[in-house]
């Protein structure tokens, strides 16, 4: 009877080092990405800044800002199914699932930090947003940080240390689904002609090349 009253997991004590590690890595990734130099922009296509970002510097921007985070999230989703439908637990799939979840959150934290410094702040300061479609596309893209980084915290037990395996797997699956939803919303509005939601070219200040991978609008960026 006494044994049944003892908490089955030593997570609170055993996971503190992991929490410190993920906190340190997160600070290093975010700070390092923020101080990366902005590479040159591509030509202005008259589309949203989201599409301009992905279209510039082919194929590197597309790989860095779209392919890598989506592939990591879909790897988590596929291996999640493999673990779920495997009677034996599919150790290899579980290992890939865990590492993809760990890497995805930290990687997208770096992406978010970089874009906040080199795109979102300059666009907001200089009035370079191209209407609601542009704001929605970029906003939902960056919102992907919540589920992806949430997976990293979950995998390192920085949060949810007392969750059992089934509950953790369910939360994990919901986070993957949430990321895919916000990523597709960003993609839809990003591909939309910004004039459809009311933006007109004469609303924009004179164009100039802004760091961050796309041509933006506004005053000179120092």
C-alpha atoms as a PDB file:
ATOM      1  CA  UNK A   1       0.000   0.000   0.000  1.00  0.00           C
ATOM      2  CA  UNK A   2       2.805   2.389   0.832  1.00  0.00           C
ATOM      3  CA  UNK A   3       4.399   1.934  -2.584  1.00  0.00           C
ATOM      4  CA  UNK A   4       1.231   3.025  -4.325  1.00  0.00           C
ATOM      5  CA  UNK A   5       1.406   6.406  -2.618  1.00  0.00           C
ATOM      6  CA  UNK A   6       4.877   7.188  -3.931  1.00  0.00           C
ATOM      7  CA  UNK A   7       4.962   9.307  -7.095  1.00  0.00           C
ATOM      8  CA  UNK A   8       6.050   7.063  -9.967  1.00  0.00           C
ATOM      9  CA  UNK A   9       8.258   9.587 -11.669  1.00  0.00           C
ATOM     10  CA  UNK A  10      11.285  11.421 -10.425  1.00  0.00           C
ATOM     11  CA  UNK A  11      10.654  14.104 -13.009  1.00  0.00           C
ATOM     12  CA  UNK A  12      10.690  17.188 -10.809  1.00  0.00           C
ATOM     13  CA  UNK A  13      14.231  16.597  -9.646  1.00  0.00           C
ATOM     14  CA  UNK A  14      15.562  14.786 -12.728  1.00  0.00           C
ATOM     15  CA  UNK A  15      14.295  17.288 -15.279  1.00  0.00           C
ATOM     16  CA  UNK A  16      15.779  20.442 -13.772  1.00  0.00           C
ATOM     17  CA  UNK A  17      19.039  20.063 -15.721  1.00  0.00           C
ATOM     18  CA  UNK A  18      17.052  19.675 -18.953  1.00  0.00           C
ATOM     19  CA  UNK A  19      15.086  22.825 -18.156  1.00  0.00           C
ATOM     20  CA  UNK A  20      18.325  24.751 -17.648  1.00  0.00           C
ATOM     21  CA  UNK A  21      19.784  23.344 -20.871  1.00  0.00           C
ATOM     22  CA  UNK A  22      16.755  24.235 -23.000  1.00  0.00           C
ATOM     23  CA  UNK A  23      16.616  27.714 -21.428  1.00  0.00           C
ATOM     24  CA  UNK A  24      20.276  28.299 -22.230  1.00  0.00           C
ATOM     25  CA  UNK A  25      19.939  26.981 -25.771  1.00  0.00           C
ATOM     26  CA  UNK A  26      16.836  29.099 -26.347  1.00  0.00           C
ATOM     27  CA  UNK A  27      18.588  32.296 -25.273  1.00  0.00           C
ATOM     28  CA  UNK A  28      21.635  31.450 -27.400  1.00  0.00           C
ATOM     29  CA  UNK A  29      19.557  30.634 -30.497  1.00  0.00           C
ATOM     30  CA  UNK A  30      17.328  33.711 -30.216  1.00  0.00           C
ATOM     31  CA  UNK A  31      20.243  36.074 -29.560  1.00  0.00           C
ATOM     32  CA  UNK A  32      22.431  34.512 -32.235  1.00  0.00           C
ATOM     33  CA  UNK A  33      19.692  34.714 -34.882  1.00  0.00           C
ATOM     34  CA  UNK A  34      18.908  38.331 -33.989  1.00  0.00           C
ATOM     35  CA  UNK A  35      22.530  39.318 -34.593  1.00  0.00           C
ATOM     36  CA  UNK A  36      22.858  37.502 -37.915  1.00  0.00           C
ATOM     37  CA  UNK A  37      23.401  39.891 -40.826  1.00  0.00           C
ATOM     38  CA  UNK A  38      20.469  40.361 -43.179  1.00  0.00           C
ATOM     39  CA  UNK A  39      21.163  39.058 -46.653  1.00  0.00           C
ATOM     40  CA  UNK A  40      20.154  41.056 -49.760  1.00  0.00           C
ATOM     41  CA  UNK A  41      16.549  41.271 -50.874  1.00  0.00           C
ATOM     42  CA  UNK A  42      15.018  40.108 -54.114  1.00  0.00           C
ATOM     43  CA  UNK A  43      13.003  42.139 -56.631  1.00  0.00           C
ATOM     44  CA  UNK A  44       9.675  43.624 -55.613  1.00  0.00           C
ATOM     45  CA  UNK A  45       6.929  41.445 -57.126  1.00  0.00           C
ATOM     46  CA  UNK A  46       4.048  43.568 -55.812  1.00  0.00           C
ATOM     47  CA  UNK A  47       2.879  40.706 -53.603  1.00  0.00           C
ATOM     48  CA  UNK A  48       2.821  40.345 -49.827  1.00  0.00           C
ATOM     49  CA  UNK A  49       6.099  40.637 -47.964  1.00  0.00           C
ATOM     50  CA  UNK A  50       5.571  36.995 -46.947  1.00  0.00           C
ATOM     51  CA  UNK A  51       5.736  35.874 -50.581  1.00  0.00           C
ATOM     52  CA  UNK A  52       8.574  38.271 -51.293  1.00  0.00           C
ATOM     53  CA  UNK A  53      10.570  36.680 -48.476  1.00  0.00           C
ATOM     54  CA  UNK A  54      10.082  33.132 -49.780  1.00  0.00           C
ATOM     55  CA  UNK A  55      10.702  34.073 -53.419  1.00  0.00           C
ATOM     56  CA  UNK A  56      13.950  35.980 -52.805  1.00  0.00           C
ATOM     57  CA  UNK A  57      17.388  34.342 -52.848  1.00  0.00           C
ATOM     58  CA  UNK A  58      16.122  31.119 -54.404  1.00  0.00           C
ATOM     59  CA  UNK A  59      16.284  28.423 -53.228  1.00  0.00           C
ATOM     60  CA  UNK A  60      17.755  29.404 -49.862  1.00  0.00           C
ATOM     61  CA  UNK A  61      14.938  31.500 -48.400  1.00  0.00           C
ATOM     62  CA  UNK A  62      12.391  28.858 -49.367  1.00  0.00           C
ATOM     63  CA  UNK A  63      14.490  26.153 -47.713  1.00  0.00           C
ATOM     64  CA  UNK A  64      15.315  28.112 -44.557  1.00  0.00           C
ATOM     65  CA  UNK A  65      11.940  29.729 -43.867  1.00  0.00           C
ATOM     66  CA  UNK A  66       9.509  27.125 -45.199  1.00  0.00           C
ATOM     67  CA  UNK A  67      10.980  23.738 -46.124  1.00  0.00           C
ATOM     68  CA  UNK A  68      12.956  23.024 -42.941  1.00  0.00           C
ATOM     69  CA  UNK A  69      10.234  23.881 -40.368  1.00  0.00           C
ATOM     70  CA  UNK A  70       7.495  22.159 -42.392  1.00  0.00           C
ATOM     71  CA  UNK A  71       9.588  19.019 -42.967  1.00  0.00           C
ATOM     72  CA  UNK A  72      10.415  18.847 -39.253  1.00  0.00           C
ATOM     73  CA  UNK A  73       6.750  19.238 -38.286  1.00  0.00           C
ATOM     74  CA  UNK A  74       5.617  16.643 -40.821  1.00  0.00           C
ATOM     75  CA  UNK A  75       8.349  14.266 -39.643  1.00  0.00           C
ATOM     76  CA  UNK A  76       6.906  14.584 -36.145  1.00  0.00           C
ATOM     77  CA  UNK A  77       3.395  13.957 -37.512  1.00  0.00           C
ATOM     78  CA  UNK A  78       4.377  10.854 -39.512  1.00  0.00           C
ATOM     79  CA  UNK A  79       6.448   9.298 -36.741  1.00  0.00           C
ATOM     80  CA  UNK A  80       3.634  10.089 -34.299  1.00  0.00           C
ATOM     81  CA  UNK A  81       1.369   7.850 -36.375  1.00  0.00           C
ATOM     82  CA  UNK A  82       4.044   5.160 -36.575  1.00  0.00           C
ATOM     83  CA  UNK A  83       4.345   5.099 -32.781  1.00  0.00           C
ATOM     84  CA  UNK A  84       0.578   5.206 -32.311  1.00  0.00           C
ATOM     85  CA  UNK A  85      -0.161   2.252 -34.598  1.00  0.00           C
ATOM     86  CA  UNK A  86       2.813   0.160 -33.548  1.00  0.00           C
ATOM     87  CA  UNK A  87       2.091  -2.475 -30.915  1.00  0.00           C
ATOM     88  CA  UNK A  88       5.691  -2.615 -29.810  1.00  0.00           C
ATOM     89  CA  UNK A  89       6.168   1.134 -29.496  1.00  0.00           C
ATOM     90  CA  UNK A  90       8.415   1.577 -32.579  1.00  0.00           C
ATOM     91  CA  UNK A  91      11.568   2.718 -30.789  1.00  0.00           C
ATOM     92  CA  UNK A  92      13.240   4.118 -33.893  1.00  0.00           C
ATOM     93  CA  UNK A  93      10.158   6.146 -34.833  1.00  0.00           C
ATOM     94  CA  UNK A  94       9.844   7.378 -31.252  1.00  0.00           C
ATOM     95  CA  UNK A  95      13.477   8.505 -31.262  1.00  0.00           C
ATOM     96  CA  UNK A  96      13.108  10.355 -34.574  1.00  0.00           C
ATOM     97  CA  UNK A  97       9.850  11.850 -33.306  1.00  0.00           C
ATOM     98  CA  UNK A  98      11.492  13.183 -30.166  1.00  0.00           C
ATOM     99  CA  UNK A  99      14.535  14.691 -31.866  1.00  0.00           C
ATOM    100  CA  UNK A 100      12.468  16.281 -34.631  1.00  0.00           C
ATOM    101  CA  UNK A 101      10.259  17.858 -31.962  1.00  0.00           C
ATOM    102  CA  UNK A 102      13.308  19.108 -30.063  1.00  0.00           C
ATOM    103  CA  UNK A 103      15.011  20.621 -33.107  1.00  0.00           C
ATOM    104  CA  UNK A 104      11.853  22.117 -34.650  1.00  0.00           C
ATOM    105  CA  UNK A 105      11.112  24.436 -31.746  1.00  0.00           C
ATOM    106  CA  UNK A 106      14.655  25.714 -31.343  1.00  0.00           C
ATOM    107  CA  UNK A 107      15.086  26.187 -35.088  1.00  0.00           C
ATOM    108  CA  UNK A 108      11.857  28.157 -35.439  1.00  0.00           C
ATOM    109  CA  UNK A 109      12.780  30.241 -32.409  1.00  0.00           C
ATOM    110  CA  UNK A 110      15.836  31.350 -34.380  1.00  0.00           C
ATOM    111  CA  UNK A 111      13.731  32.040 -37.478  1.00  0.00           C
ATOM    112  CA  UNK A 112      11.256  34.101 -35.448  1.00  0.00           C
ATOM    113  CA  UNK A 113      14.011  36.097 -33.759  1.00  0.00           C
ATOM    114  CA  UNK A 114      15.667  36.839 -37.107  1.00  0.00           C
ATOM    115  CA  UNK A 115      12.430  37.957 -38.783  1.00  0.00           C
ATOM    116  CA  UNK A 116      11.362  40.095 -35.837  1.00  0.00           C
ATOM    117  CA  UNK A 117      14.614  42.079 -36.042  1.00  0.00           C
ATOM    118  CA  UNK A 118      15.039  42.235 -39.820  1.00  0.00           C
ATOM    119  CA  UNK A 119      11.442  42.268 -41.064  1.00  0.00           C
ATOM    120  CA  UNK A 120       8.643  42.846 -38.549  1.00  0.00           C
ATOM    121  CA  UNK A 121      10.198  45.799 -36.695  1.00  0.00           C
ATOM    122  CA  UNK A 122      11.335  47.650 -39.858  1.00  0.00           C
ATOM    123  CA  UNK A 123       7.991  47.031 -41.584  1.00  0.00           C
ATOM    124  CA  UNK A 124       6.041  48.325 -38.605  1.00  0.00           C
ATOM    125  CA  UNK A 125       8.326  51.308 -38.039  1.00  0.00           C
ATOM    126  CA  UNK A 126       8.396  52.380 -41.688  1.00  0.00           C
ATOM    127  CA  UNK A 127       4.769  51.635 -42.590  1.00  0.00           C
ATOM    128  CA  UNK A 128       5.682  48.881 -45.034  1.00  0.00           C
ATOM    129  CA  UNK A 129       2.833  46.462 -44.367  1.00  0.00           C
ATOM    130  CA  UNK A 130       0.773  45.760 -47.467  1.00  0.00           C
ATOM    131  CA  UNK A 131      -2.673  45.642 -45.965  1.00  0.00           C
ATOM    132  CA  UNK A 132      -4.489  42.991 -43.910  1.00  0.00           C
ATOM    133  CA  UNK A 133      -3.381  40.041 -46.067  1.00  0.00           C
ATOM    134  CA  UNK A 134       0.259  40.848 -45.390  1.00  0.00           C
ATOM    135  CA  UNK A 135      -0.234  41.220 -41.632  1.00  0.00           C
ATOM    136  CA  UNK A 136      -2.256  37.998 -41.395  1.00  0.00           C
ATOM    137  CA  UNK A 137       0.285  36.024 -43.449  1.00  0.00           C
ATOM    138  CA  UNK A 138       3.318  37.119 -41.442  1.00  0.00           C
ATOM    139  CA  UNK A 139       1.436  37.031 -38.134  1.00  0.00           C
ATOM    140  CA  UNK A 140       0.231  33.456 -38.567  1.00  0.00           C
ATOM    141  CA  UNK A 141       3.631  32.362 -39.830  1.00  0.00           C
ATOM    142  CA  UNK A 142       5.296  33.658 -36.658  1.00  0.00           C
ATOM    143  CA  UNK A 143       2.474  32.194 -34.549  1.00  0.00           C
ATOM    144  CA  UNK A 144       3.868  28.800 -35.535  1.00  0.00           C
ATOM    145  CA  UNK A 145       6.497  29.363 -32.840  1.00  0.00           C
ATOM    146  CA  UNK A 146       3.927  28.589 -30.124  1.00  0.00           C
ATOM    147  CA  UNK A 147       3.243  24.937 -31.047  1.00  0.00           C
ATOM    148  CA  UNK A 148       6.760  24.207 -32.305  1.00  0.00           C
ATOM    149  CA  UNK A 149       8.529  25.617 -29.261  1.00  0.00           C
ATOM    150  CA  UNK A 150       5.851  24.019 -27.129  1.00  0.00           C
ATOM    151  CA  UNK A 151       6.962  20.650 -28.502  1.00  0.00           C
ATOM    152  CA  UNK A 152      10.539  21.397 -27.486  1.00  0.00           C
ATOM    153  CA  UNK A 153       9.442  22.249 -23.947  1.00  0.00           C
ATOM    154  CA  UNK A 154       7.312  19.115 -23.849  1.00  0.00           C
ATOM    155  CA  UNK A 155      10.108  16.855 -25.102  1.00  0.00           C
ATOM    156  CA  UNK A 156      12.609  18.190 -22.559  1.00  0.00           C
ATOM    157  CA  UNK A 157       9.974  17.961 -19.804  1.00  0.00           C
ATOM    158  CA  UNK A 158      10.489  21.667 -19.116  1.00  0.00           C
ATOM    159  CA  UNK A 159       6.671  21.691 -19.111  1.00  0.00           C
ATOM    160  CA  UNK A 160       4.353  18.754 -18.552  1.00  0.00           C
ATOM    161  CA  UNK A 161       6.927  16.767 -16.588  1.00  0.00           C
ATOM    162  CA  UNK A 162       4.185  14.878 -14.733  1.00  0.00           C
ATOM    163  CA  UNK A 163       2.192  13.915 -17.841  1.00  0.00           C
ATOM    164  CA  UNK A 164       1.946  10.237 -18.646  1.00  0.00           C
ATOM    165  CA  UNK A 165       3.082   9.007 -22.066  1.00  0.00           C
ATOM    166  CA  UNK A 166      -0.407   8.846 -23.592  1.00  0.00           C
ATOM    167  CA  UNK A 167      -1.319  12.374 -22.513  1.00  0.00           C
ATOM    168  CA  UNK A 168       2.027  13.729 -23.684  1.00  0.00           C
ATOM    169  CA  UNK A 169       1.530  12.056 -27.079  1.00  0.00           C
ATOM    170  CA  UNK A 170      -1.933  13.610 -27.416  1.00  0.00           C
ATOM    171  CA  UNK A 171      -0.655  17.096 -26.554  1.00  0.00           C
ATOM    172  CA  UNK A 172       2.235  16.546 -28.964  1.00  0.00           C
ATOM    173  CA  UNK A 173      -0.190  15.620 -31.758  1.00  0.00           C
ATOM    174  CA  UNK A 174      -2.336  18.696 -31.106  1.00  0.00           C
ATOM    175  CA  UNK A 175       0.747  20.915 -31.313  1.00  0.00           C
ATOM    176  CA  UNK A 176       1.748  19.429 -34.664  1.00  0.00           C
ATOM    177  CA  UNK A 177      -1.775  19.977 -35.962  1.00  0.00           C
ATOM    178  CA  UNK A 178      -1.813  23.558 -34.674  1.00  0.00           C
ATOM    179  CA  UNK A 179       1.434  24.354 -36.469  1.00  0.00           C
ATOM    180  CA  UNK A 180       0.211  22.912 -39.771  1.00  0.00           C
ATOM    181  CA  UNK A 181      -3.017  24.940 -39.478  1.00  0.00           C
ATOM    182  CA  UNK A 182      -1.304  28.291 -38.820  1.00  0.00           C
ATOM    183  CA  UNK A 183       1.334  27.555 -41.491  1.00  0.00           C
ATOM    184  CA  UNK A 184      -1.349  26.932 -44.097  1.00  0.00           C
ATOM    185  CA  UNK A 185      -3.300  30.051 -43.103  1.00  0.00           C
ATOM    186  CA  UNK A 186      -0.074  32.031 -43.508  1.00  0.00           C
ATOM    187  CA  UNK A 187       0.497  30.416 -46.899  1.00  0.00           C
ATOM    188  CA  UNK A 188      -3.027  31.164 -48.157  1.00  0.00           C
ATOM    189  CA  UNK A 189      -2.974  34.838 -47.189  1.00  0.00           C
ATOM    190  CA  UNK A 190       0.653  35.164 -48.234  1.00  0.00           C
ATOM    191  CA  UNK A 191      -0.187  34.042 -51.771  1.00  0.00           C
ATOM    192  CA  UNK A 192      -3.197  36.358 -51.923  1.00  0.00           C
ATOM    193  CA  UNK A 193      -2.885  39.566 -53.938  1.00  0.00           C
ATOM    194  CA  UNK A 194      -2.823  42.216 -51.165  1.00  0.00           C
ATOM    195  CA  UNK A 195      -5.091  44.482 -53.215  1.00  0.00           C
ATOM    196  CA  UNK A 196      -7.946  41.985 -52.744  1.00  0.00           C
ATOM    197  CA  UNK A 197      -8.221  43.054 -49.094  1.00  0.00           C
ATOM    198  CA  UNK A 198      -8.009  46.723 -49.849  1.00  0.00           C
ATOM    199  CA  UNK A 199      -4.317  47.575 -50.076  1.00  0.00           C
ATOM    200  CA  UNK A 200      -3.283  49.805 -52.989  1.00  0.00           C
ATOM    201  CA  UNK A 201       0.198  50.554 -54.249  1.00  0.00           C
ATOM    202  CA  UNK A 202      -0.305  54.300 -53.817  1.00  0.00           C
ATOM    203  CA  UNK A 203      -0.609  53.740 -50.049  1.00  0.00           C
ATOM    204  CA  UNK A 204       3.027  52.667 -49.864  1.00  0.00           C
ATOM    205  CA  UNK A 205       5.928  55.032 -49.234  1.00  0.00           C
ATOM    206  CA  UNK A 206       8.832  55.007 -51.724  1.00  0.00           C
ATOM    207  CA  UNK A 207      10.382  51.565 -52.073  1.00  0.00           C
ATOM    208  CA  UNK A 208      13.840  50.622 -50.983  1.00  0.00           C
ATOM    209  CA  UNK A 209      15.626  47.389 -50.294  1.00  0.00           C
ATOM    210  CA  UNK A 210      15.211  46.343 -46.667  1.00  0.00           C
ATOM    211  CA  UNK A 211      17.213  43.614 -44.945  1.00  0.00           C
ATOM    212  CA  UNK A 212      15.323  40.423 -44.266  1.00  0.00           C
ATOM    213  CA  UNK A 213      14.992  38.848 -47.683  1.00  0.00           C
ATOM    214  CA  UNK A 214      12.345  40.977 -49.377  1.00  0.00           C
ATOM    215  CA  UNK A 215      11.853  44.469 -50.780  1.00  0.00           C
ATOM    216  CA  UNK A 216       9.971  46.573 -48.274  1.00  0.00           C
ATOM    217  CA  UNK A 217       8.783  50.134 -48.034  1.00  0.00           C
ATOM    218  CA  UNK A 218       9.502  53.153 -45.894  1.00  0.00           C
ATOM    219  CA  UNK A 219      12.361  55.367 -44.882  1.00  0.00           C
ATOM    220  CA  UNK A 220      16.000  54.505 -44.990  1.00  0.00           C
ATOM    221  CA  UNK A 221      17.057  51.695 -42.684  1.00  0.00           C
ATOM    222  CA  UNK A 222      20.364  52.379 -41.050  1.00  0.00           C
END
